[in-house]
């Protein structure tokens, strides 16, 4: 399974950079087909064919988000420790690292004190909070339900919670740095955060996951789609299909904190947008993914999440990973209460603590 995952994901990443304008797929839930150079639909009947569609998914995401930066953006991480606090269970460090030449990212790093060998690690992406940013999962917010970087460190994970652009300590303007969206700048920063995690002597680089609530929930999906080093994904209150988001009104996705091209190029019309979340979920396959989607989420329609899971399921089954796609639909609002977190944390334990 591990070899299959690497082959499927690496094939898509290797070819997307070479792709010209990717084909448009009117039905984003019809995933076991790919379009050839003549635009004709071809069936996907074996695992070896899936990277062709996955390549198109990643390329279409970049039409909206802007291109994923290449190695030219990479600089030495130059990790700096700003402060360090030791508790009974972990060391918490506030750090910063170089995401690219003209931008540094601040983050909270948690390292458990009790260690036997290398530990699994989880990238913890914060919900929307312009003031606290990374501080929300790191334990500084007023809502204990969202302090998952702390909770997971207490469970024995190395955790890292970085700022999203223009949140917390970040004063970055992604557009002045040449990005087409804050979403893609976030993806790049989060890729670099994974670089930080796998560079740590305490971390097992083969056991890295990602988790997030709300803003962090969809950012977890986005970074994992582009980074095969992430082996397990949890998204809480993070997404639904575009046609079911606010009854198809995509304004909330189109401001400068997300993807302006949804407004300027695709007229806020779901039927015009070249990618959708059923495809993003499928792009994670065959890696384990848990969608945590409350029944009373005011932001992300639960039926839209169910539609995404239903559409992605055949891809997971084709890749022999049907048990690696799961969803939890708790009876609560747009939140991350204890019983819901328990399911999420046990999902990470199942796949990262083997």
Protein backbone atom coordinates (compact mmCIF):
# COMPACT_ATOMS: atom_id res chain seq x y z
CA UNK A 1 0.00 0.00 0.00
CA UNK A 2 2.78 2.42 0.88
CA UNK A 3 4.51 1.81 -2.46
CA UNK A 4 1.23 2.25 -4.34
CA UNK A 5 0.57 5.53 -2.56
CA UNK A 6 3.98 6.90 -3.46
CA UNK A 7 3.65 5.80 -7.09
CA UNK A 8 0.17 7.27 -7.52
CA UNK A 9 0.98 10.60 -5.87
CA UNK A 10 4.45 11.02 -7.34
CA UNK A 11 3.16 10.30 -10.84
CA UNK A 12 0.61 13.09 -10.54
CA UNK A 13 3.10 15.59 -9.14
CA UNK A 14 5.70 14.74 -11.77
CA UNK A 15 3.36 15.28 -14.69
CA UNK A 16 1.36 18.28 -13.53
CA UNK A 17 4.33 20.58 -14.03
CA UNK A 18 4.51 19.50 -17.69
CA UNK A 19 0.80 19.83 -18.40
CA UNK A 20 -0.54 22.50 -20.71
CA UNK A 21 -4.07 23.78 -20.14
CA UNK A 22 -5.78 20.86 -18.39
CA UNK A 23 -9.12 19.58 -19.68
CA UNK A 24 -12.31 20.83 -18.04
CA UNK A 25 -14.53 18.27 -16.31
CA UNK A 26 -18.17 19.42 -16.14
CA UNK A 27 -19.10 16.71 -13.62
CA UNK A 28 -16.58 16.86 -10.74
CA UNK A 29 -18.18 13.83 -9.08
CA UNK A 30 -17.51 11.54 -12.04
CA UNK A 31 -13.97 10.64 -11.05
CA UNK A 32 -13.17 7.34 -12.73
CA UNK A 33 -12.69 8.93 -16.11
CA UNK A 34 -9.99 11.09 -17.66
CA UNK A 35 -10.02 13.22 -20.80
CA UNK A 36 -7.44 12.59 -23.49
CA UNK A 37 -5.77 15.16 -25.75
CA UNK A 38 -8.88 15.22 -27.96
CA UNK A 39 -11.13 15.85 -24.98
CA UNK A 40 -12.66 12.38 -25.14
CA UNK A 41 -13.55 10.59 -21.94
CA UNK A 42 -11.53 7.48 -21.18
CA UNK A 43 -12.50 5.06 -18.38
CA UNK A 44 -10.21 4.49 -15.40
CA UNK A 45 -10.37 0.78 -14.64
CA UNK A 46 -7.02 0.14 -12.96
CA UNK A 47 -4.87 1.90 -10.39
CA UNK A 48 -2.19 2.72 -12.95
CA UNK A 49 -4.63 4.98 -14.82
CA UNK A 50 -5.64 7.14 -11.83
CA UNK A 51 -2.58 9.49 -11.97
CA UNK A 52 -3.85 10.80 -15.32
CA UNK A 53 -6.97 12.23 -13.68
CA UNK A 54 -5.09 13.23 -10.54
CA UNK A 55 -2.70 15.25 -12.71
CA UNK A 56 -5.65 17.14 -14.13
CA UNK A 57 -7.10 17.79 -10.67
CA UNK A 58 -3.89 19.38 -9.42
CA UNK A 59 -3.48 21.38 -12.62
CA UNK A 60 -7.07 22.68 -12.41
CA UNK A 61 -6.58 23.63 -8.75
CA UNK A 62 -3.62 25.73 -9.87
CA UNK A 63 -5.72 27.49 -12.50
CA UNK A 64 -7.72 28.90 -9.59
CA UNK A 65 -5.01 29.19 -6.92
CA UNK A 66 -2.06 30.07 -9.12
CA UNK A 67 0.96 27.85 -9.78
CA UNK A 68 2.61 25.87 -7.03
CA UNK A 69 6.11 27.35 -6.56
CA UNK A 70 9.06 25.20 -7.51
CA UNK A 71 12.53 24.73 -6.09
CA UNK A 72 13.44 28.28 -7.08
CA UNK A 73 11.42 29.50 -4.06
CA UNK A 74 13.22 27.28 -1.57
CA UNK A 75 15.77 28.81 0.76
CA UNK A 76 17.43 27.33 3.86
CA UNK A 77 14.84 27.04 6.65
CA UNK A 78 16.99 29.05 9.07
CA UNK A 79 14.84 27.98 12.04
CA UNK A 80 15.08 30.41 14.95
CA UNK A 81 13.79 29.80 18.49
CA UNK A 82 12.04 32.90 19.86
CA UNK A 83 10.99 31.48 23.21
CA UNK A 84 10.80 28.13 24.99
CA UNK A 85 8.49 26.90 27.75
CA UNK A 86 8.75 23.52 29.46
CA UNK A 87 5.70 21.81 31.00
CA UNK A 88 5.27 18.42 32.63
CA UNK A 89 4.47 16.82 29.28
CA UNK A 90 6.19 18.77 26.51
CA UNK A 91 8.47 21.57 25.46
CA UNK A 92 6.70 24.39 23.62
CA UNK A 93 8.84 26.55 21.39
CA UNK A 94 7.81 29.62 19.50
CA UNK A 95 9.89 29.51 16.35
CA UNK A 96 10.17 31.18 12.98
CA UNK A 97 11.43 29.75 9.70
CA UNK A 98 12.15 31.08 6.23
CA UNK A 99 9.37 30.16 3.82
CA UNK A 100 11.07 31.97 0.95
CA UNK A 101 13.52 34.79 0.35
CA UNK A 102 11.29 37.61 1.56
CA UNK A 103 9.06 35.94 4.11
CA UNK A 104 9.38 34.18 7.45
CA UNK A 105 6.63 32.18 9.15
CA UNK A 106 6.09 32.05 12.90
CA UNK A 107 4.90 28.81 14.48
CA UNK A 108 4.49 26.96 17.76
CA UNK A 109 6.38 23.68 18.01
CA UNK A 110 5.53 21.09 20.67
CA UNK A 111 7.92 18.24 21.50
CA UNK A 112 6.76 15.61 24.04
CA UNK A 113 9.18 14.95 26.88
CA UNK A 114 8.50 11.21 26.96
CA UNK A 115 10.15 9.72 23.90
CA UNK A 116 11.29 6.27 22.85
CA UNK A 117 12.75 6.61 19.41
CA UNK A 118 11.35 8.92 16.75
CA UNK A 119 7.79 10.17 17.11
CA UNK A 120 4.93 10.71 14.68
CA UNK A 121 4.20 14.35 13.91
CA UNK A 122 1.12 16.37 13.02
CA UNK A 123 0.91 19.72 11.26
CA UNK A 124 -1.86 21.64 13.05
CA UNK A 125 -3.48 24.32 10.88
CA UNK A 126 -5.47 27.00 12.64
CA UNK A 127 -9.03 28.23 12.03
CA UNK A 128 -9.79 31.81 11.00
CA UNK A 129 -8.38 34.17 13.62
CA UNK A 130 -6.44 37.15 12.31
CA UNK A 131 -5.18 38.07 15.80
CA UNK A 132 -4.14 34.74 17.31
CA UNK A 133 -3.56 32.62 14.19
CA UNK A 134 -1.33 29.73 15.28
CA UNK A 135 -2.12 30.56 18.90
CA UNK A 136 -5.58 28.98 18.62
CA UNK A 137 -4.44 25.33 18.26
CA UNK A 138 -1.42 26.12 20.46
CA UNK A 139 -3.60 26.80 23.49
CA UNK A 140 -3.84 30.60 23.63
CA UNK A 141 -7.43 31.03 22.52
CA UNK A 142 -10.58 31.12 24.62
CA UNK A 143 -11.90 27.88 23.10
CA UNK A 144 -10.26 24.71 24.49
CA UNK A 145 -12.12 22.72 21.81
CA UNK A 146 -9.70 24.07 19.20
CA UNK A 147 -6.39 23.53 20.99
CA UNK A 148 -5.50 20.43 19.01
CA UNK A 149 -1.76 21.13 18.82
CA UNK A 150 -1.67 20.87 22.62
CA UNK A 151 -3.95 17.83 22.79
CA UNK A 152 -1.92 15.88 20.24
CA UNK A 153 1.37 16.76 21.92
CA UNK A 154 -0.13 15.32 25.10
CA UNK A 155 -0.89 12.14 23.11
CA UNK A 156 2.74 11.79 22.11
CA UNK A 157 2.95 13.63 18.79
CA UNK A 158 5.41 16.32 17.78
CA UNK A 159 3.09 19.10 16.61
CA UNK A 160 3.67 22.28 14.64
CA UNK A 161 1.14 25.12 14.33
CA UNK A 162 2.17 27.82 11.79
CA UNK A 163 0.48 31.10 10.92
CA UNK A 164 -1.63 31.41 7.78
CA UNK A 165 -0.76 34.51 5.69
CA UNK A 166 -1.91 37.76 7.36
CA UNK A 167 -2.79 35.94 10.59
CA UNK A 168 -1.05 35.96 13.94
CA UNK A 169 2.46 37.34 13.50
CA UNK A 170 2.27 37.24 9.71
CA UNK A 171 2.31 40.57 7.88
CA UNK A 172 2.83 38.91 4.52
CA UNK A 173 1.00 40.18 1.43
CA UNK A 174 0.94 37.13 -0.88
CA UNK A 175 0.13 39.25 -3.92
CA UNK A 176 3.19 41.46 -3.51
CA UNK A 177 5.23 38.25 -3.48
CA UNK A 178 3.75 37.22 -6.82
CA UNK A 179 1.08 34.77 -5.71
CA UNK A 180 -2.33 34.60 -7.37
CA UNK A 181 -4.02 33.66 -4.10
CA UNK A 182 -3.46 33.59 -0.36
CA UNK A 183 -4.49 29.93 -0.60
CA UNK A 184 -1.43 29.04 -2.67
CA UNK A 185 0.84 31.08 -0.41
CA UNK A 186 -0.64 29.13 2.49
CA UNK A 187 0.07 25.86 0.70
CA UNK A 188 3.67 26.89 0.15
CA UNK A 189 4.12 27.93 3.78
CA UNK A 190 2.62 24.64 4.94
CA UNK A 191 4.90 22.64 2.63
CA UNK A 192 7.80 24.44 4.26
CA UNK A 193 6.34 23.66 7.68
CA UNK A 194 6.49 19.98 6.73
CA UNK A 195 10.13 20.60 5.79
CA UNK A 196 10.64 21.81 9.36
CA UNK A 197 8.95 18.75 10.87
CA UNK A 198 10.86 16.17 8.85
CA UNK A 199 14.15 17.94 9.63
CA UNK A 200 13.70 17.42 13.38
CA UNK A 201 15.68 14.59 15.00
CA UNK A 202 12.64 13.73 17.15
CA UNK A 203 10.35 13.12 14.14
CA UNK A 204 9.76 9.98 12.08
CA UNK A 205 9.45 11.48 8.60
CA UNK A 206 7.35 8.51 7.46
CA UNK A 207 4.63 9.28 10.02
CA UNK A 208 3.50 12.85 9.39
CA UNK A 209 -0.15 13.88 9.42
CA UNK A 210 -2.18 17.08 9.19
CA UNK A 211 -5.29 18.30 11.00
CA UNK A 212 -7.28 21.52 10.96
CA UNK A 213 -10.60 23.12 11.84
CA UNK A 214 -12.51 25.42 9.45
CA UNK A 215 -9.83 27.46 7.61
CA UNK A 216 -7.37 24.85 8.83
CA UNK A 217 -9.72 22.12 7.66
CA UNK A 218 -9.57 23.03 3.99
CA UNK A 219 -5.92 24.04 4.22
CA UNK A 220 -5.22 20.50 5.47
CA UNK A 221 -6.77 19.12 2.30
CA UNK A 222 -4.92 21.56 0.07
CA UNK A 223 -1.42 20.97 1.43
CA UNK A 224 -1.89 17.20 1.54
CA UNK A 225 -3.00 17.16 -2.10
CA UNK A 226 0.37 18.63 -3.07
CA UNK A 227 2.61 16.94 -0.47
CA UNK A 228 2.97 13.13 -0.50
CA UNK A 229 4.99 13.28 2.73
CA UNK A 230 1.70 13.81 4.56
CA UNK A 231 0.43 10.32 5.31
CA UNK A 232 -2.86 11.00 7.12
CA UNK A 233 -5.39 13.86 6.91
CA UNK A 234 -8.18 15.12 9.18
CA UNK A 235 -10.46 18.00 8.20
CA UNK A 236 -13.03 19.30 10.70
CA UNK A 237 -15.68 21.73 9.41
CA UNK A 238 -13.41 22.34 6.44
CA UNK A 239 -15.27 21.97 3.16
CA UNK A 240 -18.26 20.98 1.09
CA UNK A 241 -18.81 20.90 -2.65
CA UNK A 242 -18.96 24.33 -4.29
CA UNK A 243 -22.59 24.00 -5.50
CA UNK A 244 -23.72 23.29 -1.91
CA UNK A 245 -21.62 26.04 -0.29
CA UNK A 246 -24.04 28.84 0.66
CA UNK A 247 -26.38 27.52 -2.07
CA UNK A 248 -23.70 28.09 -4.69
CA UNK A 249 -22.68 31.60 -3.62
CA UNK A 250 -18.87 31.50 -3.75
CA UNK A 251 -18.21 35.03 -2.47
CA UNK A 252 -16.83 33.67 0.78
CA UNK A 253 -14.14 31.80 -1.14
CA UNK A 254 -13.23 34.70 -3.43
CA UNK A 255 -11.82 37.46 -1.23
CA UNK A 256 -8.10 38.22 -0.98
CA UNK A 257 -7.68 35.81 1.94
CA UNK A 258 -8.57 32.91 -0.37
CA UNK A 259 -8.85 32.69 -4.18
CA UNK A 260 -9.77 35.94 -5.97
CA UNK A 261 -9.82 34.24 -9.36
CA UNK A 262 -13.12 32.63 -8.36
CA UNK A 263 -14.50 36.15 -8.74
CA UNK A 264 -12.31 37.70 -11.41
CA UNK A 265 -12.07 34.72 -13.78
CA UNK A 266 -14.90 32.32 -12.94
CA UNK A 267 -17.68 34.82 -12.09
CA UNK A 268 -18.44 33.13 -8.74
CA UNK A 269 -20.23 30.35 -10.63
CA UNK A 270 -19.57 26.80 -9.39
CA UNK A 271 -20.25 25.37 -12.86
CA UNK A 272 -17.38 27.44 -14.28
CA UNK A 273 -14.78 26.58 -11.62
CA UNK A 274 -12.30 23.97 -12.92
CA UNK A 275 -11.98 22.03 -9.64
CA UNK A 276 -14.17 21.04 -6.72
CA UNK A 277 -13.80 19.27 -3.39
CA UNK A 278 -14.85 15.77 -4.52
CA UNK A 279 -11.70 15.88 -6.66
CA UNK A 280 -9.51 17.25 -3.86
CA UNK A 281 -10.62 14.43 -1.56
CA UNK A 282 -9.95 11.86 -4.28
CA UNK A 283 -6.50 13.37 -4.87
CA UNK A 284 -5.55 12.28 -1.33
CA UNK A 285 -6.10 8.60 -2.14
CA UNK A 286 -4.89 6.10 -1.08
CA UNK A 287 -3.81 7.97 2.07
CA UNK A 288 -6.15 7.89 5.08
CA UNK A 289 -8.61 10.79 5.20
CA UNK A 290 -11.26 11.58 7.81
CA UNK A 291 -13.89 14.20 7.06
CA UNK A 292 -15.46 15.50 10.26
CA UNK A 293 -18.64 17.30 9.22
CA UNK A 294 -21.22 18.41 11.81
CA UNK A 295 -24.89 18.16 10.91
CA UNK A 296 -25.50 21.78 12.00
CA UNK A 297 -22.48 23.42 10.40
CA UNK A 298 -23.73 26.84 9.23
CA UNK A 299 -20.78 27.25 6.87
CA UNK A 300 -20.23 23.92 5.13
CA UNK A 301 -23.35 22.01 4.15
CA UNK A 302 -23.18 18.44 5.44
CA UNK A 303 -24.90 17.06 2.34
CA UNK A 304 -22.14 18.65 0.27
CA UNK A 305 -19.58 16.75 2.34
CA UNK A 306 -21.48 13.50 1.89
CA UNK A 307 -21.54 14.11 -1.85
CA UNK A 308 -17.76 14.51 -1.85
CA UNK A 309 -17.16 11.33 0.14
CA UNK A 310 -19.54 9.35 -2.07
CA UNK A 311 -17.78 10.58 -5.21
CA UNK A 312 -14.27 9.85 -3.90
CA UNK A 313 -15.11 6.39 -2.54
CA UNK A 314 -14.74 4.55 -5.89
CA UNK A 315 -11.24 6.01 -6.29
CA UNK A 316 -10.20 4.76 -2.86
CA UNK A 317 -11.69 1.35 -3.66
CA UNK A 318 -9.90 1.22 -7.02
CA UNK A 319 -6.63 1.80 -5.17
CA UNK A 320 -7.41 -0.92 -2.63
CA UNK A 321 -7.86 1.63 0.17
CA UNK A 322 -11.59 1.65 0.85
CA UNK A 323 -11.02 1.54 4.61
CA UNK A 324 -8.86 4.66 4.45
CA UNK A 325 -11.70 7.03 3.59
CA UNK A 326 -14.01 7.83 6.48
CA UNK A 327 -16.48 10.47 7.63
CA UNK A 328 -17.97 11.46 10.97
CA UNK A 329 -21.23 13.41 11.03
CA UNK A 330 -21.74 14.58 14.65
CA UNK A 331 -24.89 16.36 15.81
CA UNK A 332 -23.29 19.73 16.58
CA UNK A 333 -22.54 23.09 15.00
CA UNK A 334 -19.37 24.53 13.41
CA UNK A 335 -17.11 23.42 16.24
CA UNK A 336 -14.75 20.68 17.42
CA UNK A 337 -16.12 19.35 20.75
CA UNK A 338 -14.47 16.63 22.80
CA UNK A 339 -16.38 13.64 21.43
CA UNK A 340 -15.66 14.78 17.86
CA UNK A 341 -11.99 15.35 18.59
CA UNK A 342 -11.82 11.86 20.10
CA UNK A 343 -12.81 10.35 16.76
CA UNK A 344 -10.29 12.55 14.94
CA UNK A 345 -7.42 11.79 17.31
CA UNK A 346 -8.12 8.06 17.20
CA UNK A 347 -8.03 8.24 13.40
CA UNK A 348 -4.56 9.76 13.56
CA UNK A 349 -3.49 7.16 16.11
CA UNK A 350 -4.75 4.36 13.90
CA UNK A 351 -2.61 5.35 10.94
CA UNK A 352 0.39 7.16 12.43
CA UNK A 353 1.09 5.12 15.56
CA UNK A 354 1.39 1.72 13.88
